[in-house]
């Protein structure tokens, strides 16, 4: 069957040619029922828009640059990607993933992008940007949207949990169970290889602030480097700590889950000897009975994508209104399971 013309699709759907064009170029500007009629007509008539022709006409690349600080295969990043793609793909946009391990790599990206002009928007996950980097893209009307960013500075919109407040929830729970020696174990974010600022660093500060608000509670911040076996590193931190903690908050479930297995292999009873709280509520947390703090990266990705499309559609005109509310803070929920229990004094 020969490909139909755009005029034939418009007649079949009962809309104007401009509405058909808008459905393919900027679907978020078309009513859902109208969009459905156009897509049904296009499918029936075997109509396919030329991606390159649409790009030339609109000046868009139909590409979104996604900046991650870790591999896309991590639970958090893969869920962020899936949420973004659930919105961008139906709207005709591809996602190009860039892994940033240092501030130098981030600076190079923001230097090269204005020259290449190969992205219609930039989404940054979990780390900061600098003011001059943001200015380069604002001059091109390229919006920057953040997911779990440490600061909203330089971003046009964002969806981020409050990491500081989240650790308050964990500490409050452990203190209510009678724990007074509480450790926090996370990675050393000050190592020289990065110079990026991460959102998760606020978790440690939240932990310290809340512990210090309780008389008699001793916070025990312990840090790991990024080398070696993290489960063994957690074990060594705990058994070498003096005094020994009765409860531990871990920076994420990808650290908490292997640490849980390793501690039990070493003979530590969880939660009788040691209570553990993770962070994320990842794929395996529920089945393993891990008490953890729940966040939903898929939903955050989808919401960030919706804001991104609204900003692209505004084309620099009143961008704040286009993405209202510009910045959203999803709630974090404590998932009570089997790895926390009331403190029992072993000497009693």
C-alpha atoms as a PDB file:
ATOM      1  CA  UNK A   1       0.000   0.000   0.000  1.00  0.00           C
ATOM      2  CA  UNK A   2       1.347   3.436  -0.962  1.00  0.00           C
ATOM      3  CA  UNK A   3       1.849   5.893   1.877  1.00  0.00           C
ATOM      4  CA  UNK A   4      -1.030   8.329   2.238  1.00  0.00           C
ATOM      5  CA  UNK A   5      -0.612  12.095   2.267  1.00  0.00           C
ATOM      6  CA  UNK A   6      -1.032  14.298   5.314  1.00  0.00           C
ATOM      7  CA  UNK A   7      -4.169  15.732   3.662  1.00  0.00           C
ATOM      8  CA  UNK A   8      -5.716  12.242   3.486  1.00  0.00           C
ATOM      9  CA  UNK A   9      -5.017  11.689   7.182  1.00  0.00           C
ATOM     10  CA  UNK A  10      -6.635  15.033   8.017  1.00  0.00           C
ATOM     11  CA  UNK A  11      -9.774  14.095   6.058  1.00  0.00           C
ATOM     12  CA  UNK A  12      -9.975  10.651   7.675  1.00  0.00           C
ATOM     13  CA  UNK A  13      -9.590  12.098  11.186  1.00  0.00           C
ATOM     14  CA  UNK A  14     -11.880  15.058  10.523  1.00  0.00           C
ATOM     15  CA  UNK A  15      -9.269  17.640  11.519  1.00  0.00           C
ATOM     16  CA  UNK A  16      -7.104  20.237   9.797  1.00  0.00           C
ATOM     17  CA  UNK A  17      -3.719  19.510   8.222  1.00  0.00           C
ATOM     18  CA  UNK A  18      -2.072  21.725  10.853  1.00  0.00           C
ATOM     19  CA  UNK A  19      -3.613  19.574  13.606  1.00  0.00           C
ATOM     20  CA  UNK A  20      -2.134  16.429  12.043  1.00  0.00           C
ATOM     21  CA  UNK A  21       1.255  18.146  11.831  1.00  0.00           C
ATOM     22  CA  UNK A  22       1.021  19.311  15.430  1.00  0.00           C
ATOM     23  CA  UNK A  23       0.049  15.818  16.602  1.00  0.00           C
ATOM     24  CA  UNK A  24       3.344  14.436  15.328  1.00  0.00           C
ATOM     25  CA  UNK A  25       5.565  17.437  16.116  1.00  0.00           C
ATOM     26  CA  UNK A  26       4.174  18.512  19.509  1.00  0.00           C
ATOM     27  CA  UNK A  27       1.637  15.910  20.697  1.00  0.00           C
ATOM     28  CA  UNK A  28       1.417  17.437  24.183  1.00  0.00           C
ATOM     29  CA  UNK A  29      -0.352  20.450  22.622  1.00  0.00           C
ATOM     30  CA  UNK A  30      -3.143  18.312  21.151  1.00  0.00           C
ATOM     31  CA  UNK A  31      -6.158  17.089  23.100  1.00  0.00           C
ATOM     32  CA  UNK A  32      -5.877  13.350  23.895  1.00  0.00           C
ATOM     33  CA  UNK A  33      -9.074  12.441  22.015  1.00  0.00           C
ATOM     34  CA  UNK A  34      -7.955  14.422  18.953  1.00  0.00           C
ATOM     35  CA  UNK A  35      -4.501  12.865  19.114  1.00  0.00           C
ATOM     36  CA  UNK A  36      -6.082   9.413  19.244  1.00  0.00           C
ATOM     37  CA  UNK A  37      -8.211  10.108  16.145  1.00  0.00           C
ATOM     38  CA  UNK A  38      -5.212  11.356  14.197  1.00  0.00           C
ATOM     39  CA  UNK A  39      -3.042   8.386  15.174  1.00  0.00           C
ATOM     40  CA  UNK A  40      -5.827   5.930  14.329  1.00  0.00           C
ATOM     41  CA  UNK A  41      -6.278   7.553  10.905  1.00  0.00           C
ATOM     42  CA  UNK A  42      -2.514   7.562  10.278  1.00  0.00           C
ATOM     43  CA  UNK A  43      -2.259   3.880  11.142  1.00  0.00           C
ATOM     44  CA  UNK A  44      -5.262   2.991   8.947  1.00  0.00           C
ATOM     45  CA  UNK A  45      -3.823   4.875   5.945  1.00  0.00           C
ATOM     46  CA  UNK A  46      -0.225   3.716   6.493  1.00  0.00           C
ATOM     47  CA  UNK A  47       0.931   7.304   7.026  1.00  0.00           C
ATOM     48  CA  UNK A  48       4.407   7.824   8.472  1.00  0.00           C
ATOM     49  CA  UNK A  49       5.897  11.264   9.001  1.00  0.00           C
ATOM     50  CA  UNK A  50       9.487  11.786   7.913  1.00  0.00           C
ATOM     51  CA  UNK A  51      11.524  12.294  11.074  1.00  0.00           C
ATOM     52  CA  UNK A  52      14.290  14.166   9.283  1.00  0.00           C
ATOM     53  CA  UNK A  53      11.824  16.421   7.462  1.00  0.00           C
ATOM     54  CA  UNK A  54      10.040  17.232  10.703  1.00  0.00           C
ATOM     55  CA  UNK A  55      13.336  18.048  12.361  1.00  0.00           C
ATOM     56  CA  UNK A  56      14.401  20.346   9.538  1.00  0.00           C
ATOM     57  CA  UNK A  57      11.058  22.134   9.547  1.00  0.00           C
ATOM     58  CA  UNK A  58      10.876  22.635  13.305  1.00  0.00           C
ATOM     59  CA  UNK A  59      14.566  23.100  14.025  1.00  0.00           C
ATOM     60  CA  UNK A  60      14.283  20.379  16.672  1.00  0.00           C
ATOM     61  CA  UNK A  61      16.462  17.309  17.050  1.00  0.00           C
ATOM     62  CA  UNK A  62      13.718  15.259  18.764  1.00  0.00           C
ATOM     63  CA  UNK A  63      16.439  14.133  21.153  1.00  0.00           C
ATOM     64  CA  UNK A  64      16.695  14.530  24.932  1.00  0.00           C
ATOM     65  CA  UNK A  65      20.118  14.419  26.617  1.00  0.00           C
ATOM     66  CA  UNK A  66      20.025  12.489  29.900  1.00  0.00           C
ATOM     67  CA  UNK A  67      22.968  12.927  32.286  1.00  0.00           C
ATOM     68  CA  UNK A  68      23.604  10.192  34.851  1.00  0.00           C
ATOM     69  CA  UNK A  69      26.337  10.063  37.489  1.00  0.00           C
ATOM     70  CA  UNK A  70      26.385   6.244  37.474  1.00  0.00           C
ATOM     71  CA  UNK A  71      25.689   3.427  35.051  1.00  0.00           C
ATOM     72  CA  UNK A  72      22.196   3.193  33.588  1.00  0.00           C
ATOM     73  CA  UNK A  73      21.972  -0.425  34.805  1.00  0.00           C
ATOM     74  CA  UNK A  74      21.546   0.573  38.467  1.00  0.00           C
ATOM     75  CA  UNK A  75      18.016   0.108  39.806  1.00  0.00           C
ATOM     76  CA  UNK A  76      17.471   3.828  40.359  1.00  0.00           C
ATOM     77  CA  UNK A  77      18.798   4.960  36.962  1.00  0.00           C
ATOM     78  CA  UNK A  78      17.009   2.246  34.989  1.00  0.00           C
ATOM     79  CA  UNK A  79      13.705   3.232  36.623  1.00  0.00           C
ATOM     80  CA  UNK A  80      14.354   6.914  35.924  1.00  0.00           C
ATOM     81  CA  UNK A  81      15.030   6.042  32.276  1.00  0.00           C
ATOM     82  CA  UNK A  82      11.866   3.935  32.007  1.00  0.00           C
ATOM     83  CA  UNK A  83       9.744   6.735  33.466  1.00  0.00           C
ATOM     84  CA  UNK A  84      11.201   9.300  31.085  1.00  0.00           C
ATOM     85  CA  UNK A  85      10.775   6.997  28.101  1.00  0.00           C
ATOM     86  CA  UNK A  86       7.122   6.334  28.977  1.00  0.00           C
ATOM     87  CA  UNK A  87       6.436   9.989  28.146  1.00  0.00           C
ATOM     88  CA  UNK A  88       9.137  10.897  25.618  1.00  0.00           C
ATOM     89  CA  UNK A  89       8.715   7.874  23.339  1.00  0.00           C
ATOM     90  CA  UNK A  90       5.000   8.429  22.564  1.00  0.00           C
ATOM     91  CA  UNK A  91       5.818  12.097  21.948  1.00  0.00           C
ATOM     92  CA  UNK A  92       8.418  11.155  19.307  1.00  0.00           C
ATOM     93  CA  UNK A  93      11.590  11.875  21.290  1.00  0.00           C
ATOM     94  CA  UNK A  94      14.686   9.723  21.684  1.00  0.00           C
ATOM     95  CA  UNK A  95      16.851   9.732  24.818  1.00  0.00           C
ATOM     96  CA  UNK A  96      20.648   9.937  24.586  1.00  0.00           C
ATOM     97  CA  UNK A  97      22.382   8.870  27.800  1.00  0.00           C
ATOM     98  CA  UNK A  98      25.601  10.520  28.985  1.00  0.00           C
ATOM     99  CA  UNK A  99      27.509   9.167  31.987  1.00  0.00           C
ATOM    100  CA  UNK A 100      29.199  11.873  34.059  1.00  0.00           C
ATOM    101  CA  UNK A 101      31.874  10.755  36.530  1.00  0.00           C
ATOM    102  CA  UNK A 102      33.500  14.138  37.123  1.00  0.00           C
ATOM    103  CA  UNK A 103      32.888  17.874  36.966  1.00  0.00           C
ATOM    104  CA  UNK A 104      35.310  18.041  34.011  1.00  0.00           C
ATOM    105  CA  UNK A 105      33.121  15.663  31.991  1.00  0.00           C
ATOM    106  CA  UNK A 106      30.065  17.714  32.880  1.00  0.00           C
ATOM    107  CA  UNK A 107      31.770  20.967  31.819  1.00  0.00           C
ATOM    108  CA  UNK A 108      32.805  19.404  28.506  1.00  0.00           C
ATOM    109  CA  UNK A 109      29.224  18.319  27.843  1.00  0.00           C
ATOM    110  CA  UNK A 110      27.851  21.821  28.445  1.00  0.00           C
ATOM    111  CA  UNK A 111      30.608  23.284  26.288  1.00  0.00           C
ATOM    112  CA  UNK A 112      30.029  20.917  23.356  1.00  0.00           C
ATOM    113  CA  UNK A 113      26.221  20.878  23.329  1.00  0.00           C
ATOM    114  CA  UNK A 114      25.719  24.493  22.131  1.00  0.00           C
ATOM    115  CA  UNK A 115      28.085  23.760  19.234  1.00  0.00           C
ATOM    116  CA  UNK A 116      26.512  20.421  18.292  1.00  0.00           C
ATOM    117  CA  UNK A 117      22.928  21.622  18.917  1.00  0.00           C
ATOM    118  CA  UNK A 118      21.821  17.983  19.041  1.00  0.00           C
ATOM    119  CA  UNK A 119      19.364  18.008  21.963  1.00  0.00           C
ATOM    120  CA  UNK A 120      16.097  19.832  22.588  1.00  0.00           C
ATOM    121  CA  UNK A 121      16.394  19.557  26.374  1.00  0.00           C
ATOM    122  CA  UNK A 122      18.743  18.265  29.063  1.00  0.00           C
ATOM    123  CA  UNK A 123      17.669  16.120  32.017  1.00  0.00           C
ATOM    124  CA  UNK A 124      20.151  15.829  34.900  1.00  0.00           C
ATOM    125  CA  UNK A 125      19.804  13.082  37.492  1.00  0.00           C
ATOM    126  CA  UNK A 126      21.154  13.355  41.046  1.00  0.00           C
ATOM    127  CA  UNK A 127      23.942  15.939  40.729  1.00  0.00           C
ATOM    128  CA  UNK A 128      24.501  19.665  40.375  1.00  0.00           C
ATOM    129  CA  UNK A 129      25.265  22.009  37.503  1.00  0.00           C
ATOM    130  CA  UNK A 130      27.144  25.323  37.545  1.00  0.00           C
ATOM    131  CA  UNK A 131      25.563  28.722  36.698  1.00  0.00           C
ATOM    132  CA  UNK A 132      27.696  29.302  33.590  1.00  0.00           C
ATOM    133  CA  UNK A 133      26.743  25.857  32.260  1.00  0.00           C
ATOM    134  CA  UNK A 134      23.055  26.693  32.634  1.00  0.00           C
ATOM    135  CA  UNK A 135      23.483  30.085  30.950  1.00  0.00           C
ATOM    136  CA  UNK A 136      24.887  28.475  27.799  1.00  0.00           C
ATOM    137  CA  UNK A 137      21.734  26.429  27.301  1.00  0.00           C
ATOM    138  CA  UNK A 138      19.315  29.178  28.314  1.00  0.00           C
ATOM    139  CA  UNK A 139      20.763  31.296  25.489  1.00  0.00           C
ATOM    140  CA  UNK A 140      19.678  28.497  23.105  1.00  0.00           C
ATOM    141  CA  UNK A 141      16.221  28.035  24.708  1.00  0.00           C
ATOM    142  CA  UNK A 142      17.267  24.525  25.728  1.00  0.00           C
ATOM    143  CA  UNK A 143      15.548  23.741  29.063  1.00  0.00           C
ATOM    144  CA  UNK A 144      17.330  21.930  31.882  1.00  0.00           C
ATOM    145  CA  UNK A 145      15.230  19.680  34.131  1.00  0.00           C
ATOM    146  CA  UNK A 146      16.523  17.938  37.249  1.00  0.00           C
ATOM    147  CA  UNK A 147      15.626  14.698  39.014  1.00  0.00           C
ATOM    148  CA  UNK A 148      16.778  14.336  42.648  1.00  0.00           C
ATOM    149  CA  UNK A 149      19.130  17.284  42.302  1.00  0.00           C
ATOM    150  CA  UNK A 150      20.998  18.764  45.319  1.00  0.00           C
ATOM    151  CA  UNK A 151      19.897  22.319  44.435  1.00  0.00           C
ATOM    152  CA  UNK A 152      17.373  23.888  42.051  1.00  0.00           C
ATOM    153  CA  UNK A 153      19.873  26.588  41.046  1.00  0.00           C
ATOM    154  CA  UNK A 154      20.246  26.775  37.267  1.00  0.00           C
ATOM    155  CA  UNK A 155      17.361  24.390  36.536  1.00  0.00           C
ATOM    156  CA  UNK A 156      14.125  25.334  34.781  1.00  0.00           C
ATOM    157  CA  UNK A 157      12.147  22.611  36.559  1.00  0.00           C
ATOM    158  CA  UNK A 158      12.704  19.531  38.665  1.00  0.00           C
ATOM    159  CA  UNK A 159      11.301  16.594  40.628  1.00  0.00           C
ATOM    160  CA  UNK A 160      13.330  15.778  43.736  1.00  0.00           C
ATOM    161  CA  UNK A 161      12.713  14.095  47.055  1.00  0.00           C
ATOM    162  CA  UNK A 162      13.888  15.793  50.249  1.00  0.00           C
ATOM    163  CA  UNK A 163      16.837  13.562  51.213  1.00  0.00           C
ATOM    164  CA  UNK A 164      17.482  15.552  54.383  1.00  0.00           C
ATOM    165  CA  UNK A 165      13.913  15.094  55.644  1.00  0.00           C
ATOM    166  CA  UNK A 166      13.874  11.432  54.594  1.00  0.00           C
ATOM    167  CA  UNK A 167      16.675  10.518  56.995  1.00  0.00           C
ATOM    168  CA  UNK A 168      14.740  12.233  59.785  1.00  0.00           C
ATOM    169  CA  UNK A 169      12.043   9.600  59.236  1.00  0.00           C
ATOM    170  CA  UNK A 170      14.586   6.787  59.594  1.00  0.00           C
ATOM    171  CA  UNK A 171      16.206   8.228  62.724  1.00  0.00           C
ATOM    172  CA  UNK A 172      12.849   8.977  64.363  1.00  0.00           C
ATOM    173  CA  UNK A 173      11.807   5.357  63.824  1.00  0.00           C
ATOM    174  CA  UNK A 174      15.000   3.954  65.351  1.00  0.00           C
ATOM    175  CA  UNK A 175      14.911   6.313  68.335  1.00  0.00           C
ATOM    176  CA  UNK A 176      11.272   5.341  68.953  1.00  0.00           C
ATOM    177  CA  UNK A 177      12.493   1.721  69.116  1.00  0.00           C
ATOM    178  CA  UNK A 178      14.971   2.686  71.830  1.00  0.00           C
ATOM    179  CA  UNK A 179      18.192   2.828  69.789  1.00  0.00           C
ATOM    180  CA  UNK A 180      20.764   5.397  70.899  1.00  0.00           C
ATOM    181  CA  UNK A 181      23.953   4.375  69.068  1.00  0.00           C
ATOM    182  CA  UNK A 182      22.992   4.765  65.423  1.00  0.00           C
ATOM    183  CA  UNK A 183      25.432   4.565  62.523  1.00  0.00           C
ATOM    184  CA  UNK A 184      25.072   5.965  59.020  1.00  0.00           C
ATOM    185  CA  UNK A 185      27.101   4.245  56.303  1.00  0.00           C
ATOM    186  CA  UNK A 186      27.513   5.771  52.861  1.00  0.00           C
ATOM    187  CA  UNK A 187      30.152   6.489  50.261  1.00  0.00           C
ATOM    188  CA  UNK A 188      32.742   9.220  50.628  1.00  0.00           C
ATOM    189  CA  UNK A 189      31.378  11.910  48.297  1.00  0.00           C
ATOM    190  CA  UNK A 190      34.418  14.125  48.808  1.00  0.00           C
ATOM    191  CA  UNK A 191      36.841  11.940  46.909  1.00  0.00           C
ATOM    192  CA  UNK A 192      38.937  13.830  44.358  1.00  0.00           C
ATOM    193  CA  UNK A 193      37.848  11.824  41.349  1.00  0.00           C
ATOM    194  CA  UNK A 194      34.507  13.596  41.084  1.00  0.00           C
ATOM    195  CA  UNK A 195      34.001  17.152  42.368  1.00  0.00           C
ATOM    196  CA  UNK A 196      30.322  16.654  41.541  1.00  0.00           C
ATOM    197  CA  UNK A 197      27.822  17.452  44.277  1.00  0.00           C
ATOM    198  CA  UNK A 198      25.281  14.672  44.770  1.00  0.00           C
ATOM    199  CA  UNK A 199      21.753  14.851  46.159  1.00  0.00           C
ATOM    200  CA  UNK A 200      22.391  11.855  48.418  1.00  0.00           C
ATOM    201  CA  UNK A 201      24.948  13.849  50.439  1.00  0.00           C
ATOM    202  CA  UNK A 202      21.963  15.548  52.117  1.00  0.00           C
ATOM    203  CA  UNK A 203      21.029  12.179  53.634  1.00  0.00           C
ATOM    204  CA  UNK A 204      24.069  12.215  55.914  1.00  0.00           C
ATOM    205  CA  UNK A 205      23.366  15.789  57.005  1.00  0.00           C
ATOM    206  CA  UNK A 206      19.731  14.931  57.717  1.00  0.00           C
ATOM    207  CA  UNK A 207      20.861  11.934  59.755  1.00  0.00           C
ATOM    208  CA  UNK A 208      23.287  14.020  61.803  1.00  0.00           C
ATOM    209  CA  UNK A 209      20.842  16.851  62.408  1.00  0.00           C
ATOM    210  CA  UNK A 210      18.068  14.564  63.612  1.00  0.00           C
ATOM    211  CA  UNK A 211      20.332  12.450  65.832  1.00  0.00           C
ATOM    212  CA  UNK A 212      21.717  15.596  67.429  1.00  0.00           C
ATOM    213  CA  UNK A 213      18.197  16.767  68.235  1.00  0.00           C
ATOM    214  CA  UNK A 214      17.746  13.814  70.623  1.00  0.00           C
ATOM    215  CA  UNK A 215      19.526  13.928  74.003  1.00  0.00           C
ATOM    216  CA  UNK A 216      21.503  10.751  74.594  1.00  0.00           C
ATOM    217  CA  UNK A 217      21.574   9.654  70.951  1.00  0.00           C
ATOM    218  CA  UNK A 218      25.059   9.156  69.499  1.00  0.00           C
ATOM    219  CA  UNK A 219      25.329   9.516  65.707  1.00  0.00           C
ATOM    220  CA  UNK A 220      28.103   7.462  64.136  1.00  0.00           C
ATOM    221  CA  UNK A 221      28.844   8.586  60.535  1.00  0.00           C
ATOM    222  CA  UNK A 222      30.973   6.001  58.707  1.00  0.00           C
ATOM    223  CA  UNK A 223      32.118   6.331  55.092  1.00  0.00           C
ATOM    224  CA  UNK A 224      33.249   3.874  52.421  1.00  0.00           C
ATOM    225  CA  UNK A 225      35.390   4.481  49.382  1.00  0.00           C
ATOM    226  CA  UNK A 226      34.211   3.280  45.963  1.00  0.00           C
ATOM    227  CA  UNK A 227      36.746   0.451  45.655  1.00  0.00           C
ATOM    228  CA  UNK A 228      36.518  -3.145  46.808  1.00  0.00           C
ATOM    229  CA  UNK A 229      33.616  -5.224  48.072  1.00  0.00           C
ATOM    230  CA  UNK A 230      31.027  -2.901  49.648  1.00  0.00           C
ATOM    231  CA  UNK A 231      29.398  -5.656  51.739  1.00  0.00           C
ATOM    232  CA  UNK A 232      32.702  -6.516  53.396  1.00  0.00           C
ATOM    233  CA  UNK A 233      33.422  -2.820  53.853  1.00  0.00           C
ATOM    234  CA  UNK A 234      30.122  -2.360  55.714  1.00  0.00           C
ATOM    235  CA  UNK A 235      30.890  -5.399  57.875  1.00  0.00           C
ATOM    236  CA  UNK A 236      34.332  -4.015  58.745  1.00  0.00           C
ATOM    237  CA  UNK A 237      32.855  -0.609  59.579  1.00  0.00           C
ATOM    238  CA  UNK A 238      30.349  -2.146  61.975  1.00  0.00           C
ATOM    239  CA  UNK A 239      32.599  -4.637  63.771  1.00  0.00           C
ATOM    240  CA  UNK A 240      35.399  -2.088  64.198  1.00  0.00           C
ATOM    241  CA  UNK A 241      33.160   0.728  65.451  1.00  0.00           C
ATOM    242  CA  UNK A 242      33.547   1.579  69.121  1.00  0.00           C
ATOM    243  CA  UNK A 243      31.133   1.666  70.786  1.00  0.00           C
ATOM    244  CA  UNK A 244      29.239  -0.785  68.619  1.00  0.00           C
ATOM    245  CA  UNK A 245      26.090   0.618  66.998  1.00  0.00           C
ATOM    246  CA  UNK A 246      22.753  -1.019  67.711  1.00  0.00           C
ATOM    247  CA  UNK A 247      21.226   0.274  64.452  1.00  0.00           C
ATOM    248  CA  UNK A 248      22.509   1.303  61.047  1.00  0.00           C
ATOM    249  CA  UNK A 249      21.087   3.511  58.299  1.00  0.00           C
ATOM    250  CA  UNK A 250      22.576   2.705  54.880  1.00  0.00           C
ATOM    251  CA  UNK A 251      22.681   5.201  52.020  1.00  0.00           C
ATOM    252  CA  UNK A 252      20.808   2.946  49.567  1.00  0.00           C
ATOM    253  CA  UNK A 253      19.391  -0.554  49.144  1.00  0.00           C
ATOM    254  CA  UNK A 254      22.141  -1.571  46.719  1.00  0.00           C
ATOM    255  CA  UNK A 255      24.473  -1.294  49.698  1.00  0.00           C
ATOM    256  CA  UNK A 256      22.003  -2.455  52.353  1.00  0.00           C
ATOM    257  CA  UNK A 257      21.000  -5.743  50.715  1.00  0.00           C
ATOM    258  CA  UNK A 258      24.483  -7.296  50.260  1.00  0.00           C
ATOM    259  CA  UNK A 259      25.422  -5.956  53.693  1.00  0.00           C
ATOM    260  CA  UNK A 260      22.386  -7.744  55.168  1.00  0.00           C
ATOM    261  CA  UNK A 261      23.552 -11.085  53.729  1.00  0.00           C
ATOM    262  CA  UNK A 262      27.168 -10.537  54.773  1.00  0.00           C
ATOM    263  CA  UNK A 263      26.259  -9.603  58.352  1.00  0.00           C
ATOM    264  CA  UNK A 264      24.126 -12.719  58.709  1.00  0.00           C
ATOM    265  CA  UNK A 265      26.946 -14.859  57.296  1.00  0.00           C
ATOM    266  CA  UNK A 266      29.184 -13.371  59.971  1.00  0.00           C
ATOM    267  CA  UNK A 267      26.722 -14.426  62.652  1.00  0.00           C
ATOM    268  CA  UNK A 268      24.983 -11.134  63.324  1.00  0.00           C
ATOM    269  CA  UNK A 269      21.270 -11.592  63.912  1.00  0.00           C
ATOM    270  CA  UNK A 270      19.180  -9.009  62.083  1.00  0.00           C
ATOM    271  CA  UNK A 271      17.275  -7.358  63.725  1.00  0.00           C
ATOM    272  CA  UNK A 272      17.909  -8.932  67.168  1.00  0.00           C
ATOM    273  CA  UNK A 273      21.570  -7.844  67.296  1.00  0.00           C
ATOM    274  CA  UNK A 274      21.441  -4.977  64.813  1.00  0.00           C
ATOM    275  CA  UNK A 275      18.609  -3.067  63.136  1.00  0.00           C
ATOM    276  CA  UNK A 276      19.103  -2.037  59.491  1.00  0.00           C
ATOM    277  CA  UNK A 277      17.330   0.588  57.373  1.00  0.00           C
ATOM    278  CA  UNK A 278      17.992   1.009  53.644  1.00  0.00           C
ATOM    279  CA  UNK A 279      16.976   3.695  51.181  1.00  0.00           C
ATOM    280  CA  UNK A 280      15.063   3.380  47.857  1.00  0.00           C
ATOM    281  CA  UNK A 281      12.779   0.341  48.256  1.00  0.00           C
ATOM    282  CA  UNK A 282      14.295  -1.318  45.220  1.00  0.00           C
ATOM    283  CA  UNK A 283      13.213  -4.450  43.385  1.00  0.00           C
ATOM    284  CA  UNK A 284      14.397  -6.897  46.081  1.00  0.00           C
ATOM    285  CA  UNK A 285      13.769  -4.941  49.286  1.00  0.00           C
ATOM    286  CA  UNK A 286      10.252  -6.208  49.902  1.00  0.00           C
ATOM    287  CA  UNK A 287      10.959  -9.901  49.255  1.00  0.00           C
ATOM    288  CA  UNK A 288      13.985  -9.758  51.578  1.00  0.00           C
ATOM    289  CA  UNK A 289      12.057  -8.016  54.342  1.00  0.00           C
ATOM    290  CA  UNK A 290      14.287  -4.929  54.339  1.00  0.00           C
ATOM    291  CA  UNK A 291      12.976  -1.936  56.242  1.00  0.00           C
ATOM    292  CA  UNK A 292      13.700   0.970  53.924  1.00  0.00           C
ATOM    293  CA  UNK A 293      12.673   4.410  52.722  1.00  0.00           C
ATOM    294  CA  UNK A 294      10.541   4.273  49.590  1.00  0.00           C
ATOM    295  CA  UNK A 295      10.938   6.568  46.607  1.00  0.00           C
ATOM    296  CA  UNK A 296       9.528   6.090  43.088  1.00  0.00           C
ATOM    297  CA  UNK A 297      12.088   6.971  40.390  1.00  0.00           C
ATOM    298  CA  UNK A 298       9.757   5.792  37.587  1.00  0.00           C
ATOM    299  CA  UNK A 299       7.089   8.309  38.625  1.00  0.00           C
ATOM    300  CA  UNK A 300       9.718  11.024  39.051  1.00  0.00           C
ATOM    301  CA  UNK A 301      11.051  10.321  35.558  1.00  0.00           C
ATOM    302  CA  UNK A 302       7.580  10.497  34.011  1.00  0.00           C
ATOM    303  CA  UNK A 303       6.779  13.744  35.824  1.00  0.00           C
ATOM    304  CA  UNK A 304      10.122  15.274  34.792  1.00  0.00           C
ATOM    305  CA  UNK A 305       9.455  14.297  31.162  1.00  0.00           C
ATOM    306  CA  UNK A 306       6.049  16.012  31.244  1.00  0.00           C
ATOM    307  CA  UNK A 307       7.679  19.189  32.543  1.00  0.00           C
ATOM    308  CA  UNK A 308      10.352  18.924  29.852  1.00  0.00           C
ATOM    309  CA  UNK A 309       7.806  18.666  27.040  1.00  0.00           C
ATOM    310  CA  UNK A 310       5.915  21.665  28.429  1.00  0.00           C
ATOM    311  CA  UNK A 311       9.124  23.699  28.468  1.00  0.00           C
ATOM    312  CA  UNK A 312      10.021  22.657  24.913  1.00  0.00           C
ATOM    313  CA  UNK A 313       6.528  23.607  23.736  1.00  0.00           C
ATOM    314  CA  UNK A 314       6.841  27.049  25.355  1.00  0.00           C
ATOM    315  CA  UNK A 315       9.945  27.699  23.201  1.00  0.00           C
ATOM    316  CA  UNK A 316      11.346  30.032  25.814  1.00  0.00           C
ATOM    317  CA  UNK A 317       8.115  32.016  26.192  1.00  0.00           C
ATOM    318  CA  UNK A 318       6.989  32.088  29.832  1.00  0.00           C
ATOM    319  CA  UNK A 319       8.819  28.823  30.651  1.00  0.00           C
ATOM    320  CA  UNK A 320       7.935  29.028  34.332  1.00  0.00           C
ATOM    321  CA  UNK A 321       4.211  29.019  33.603  1.00  0.00           C
ATOM    322  CA  UNK A 322       4.610  26.181  31.097  1.00  0.00           C
ATOM    323  CA  UNK A 323       5.979  23.768  33.706  1.00  0.00           C
ATOM    324  CA  UNK A 324       3.996  24.862  36.778  1.00  0.00           C
ATOM    325  CA  UNK A 325       4.652  23.869  39.418  1.00  0.00           C
ATOM    326  CA  UNK A 326       8.272  24.180  38.364  1.00  0.00           C
ATOM    327  CA  UNK A 327       9.673  22.120  41.210  1.00  0.00           C
ATOM    328  CA  UNK A 328       7.929  19.231  42.951  1.00  0.00           C
ATOM    329  CA  UNK A 329       8.928  17.245  46.035  1.00  0.00           C
ATOM    330  CA  UNK A 330       7.436  13.722  46.158  1.00  0.00           C
ATOM    331  CA  UNK A 331       6.986  12.271  49.637  1.00  0.00           C
ATOM    332  CA  UNK A 332       9.267   9.527  50.946  1.00  0.00           C
ATOM    333  CA  UNK A 333       7.606   6.711  52.897  1.00  0.00           C
ATOM    334  CA  UNK A 334       9.096   4.417  55.536  1.00  0.00           C
ATOM    335  CA  UNK A 335       8.414   0.781  54.618  1.00  0.00           C
ATOM    336  CA  UNK A 336       8.341  -1.143  57.911  1.00  0.00           C
ATOM    337  CA  UNK A 337       9.511  -4.725  57.428  1.00  0.00           C
ATOM    338  CA  UNK A 338      11.678  -7.255  59.250  1.00  0.00           C
ATOM    339  CA  UNK A 339      15.115  -5.674  59.711  1.00  0.00           C
ATOM    340  CA  UNK A 340      14.288  -3.237  62.518  1.00  0.00           C
ATOM    341  CA  UNK A 341      13.191  -4.104  66.045  1.00  0.00           C
ATOM    342  CA  UNK A 342      13.160  -2.567  69.541  1.00  0.00           C
ATOM    343  CA  UNK A 343      16.567  -2.258  71.195  1.00  0.00           C
ATOM    344  CA  UNK A 344      17.330  -4.910  73.803  1.00  0.00           C
ATOM    345  CA  UNK A 345      20.256  -4.235  76.146  1.00  0.00           C
ATOM    346  CA  UNK A 346      22.522  -7.314  75.889  1.00  0.00           C
ATOM    347  CA  UNK A 347      23.752  -6.676  79.434  1.00  0.00           C
ATOM    348  CA  UNK A 348      20.283  -6.561  80.955  1.00  0.00           C
END
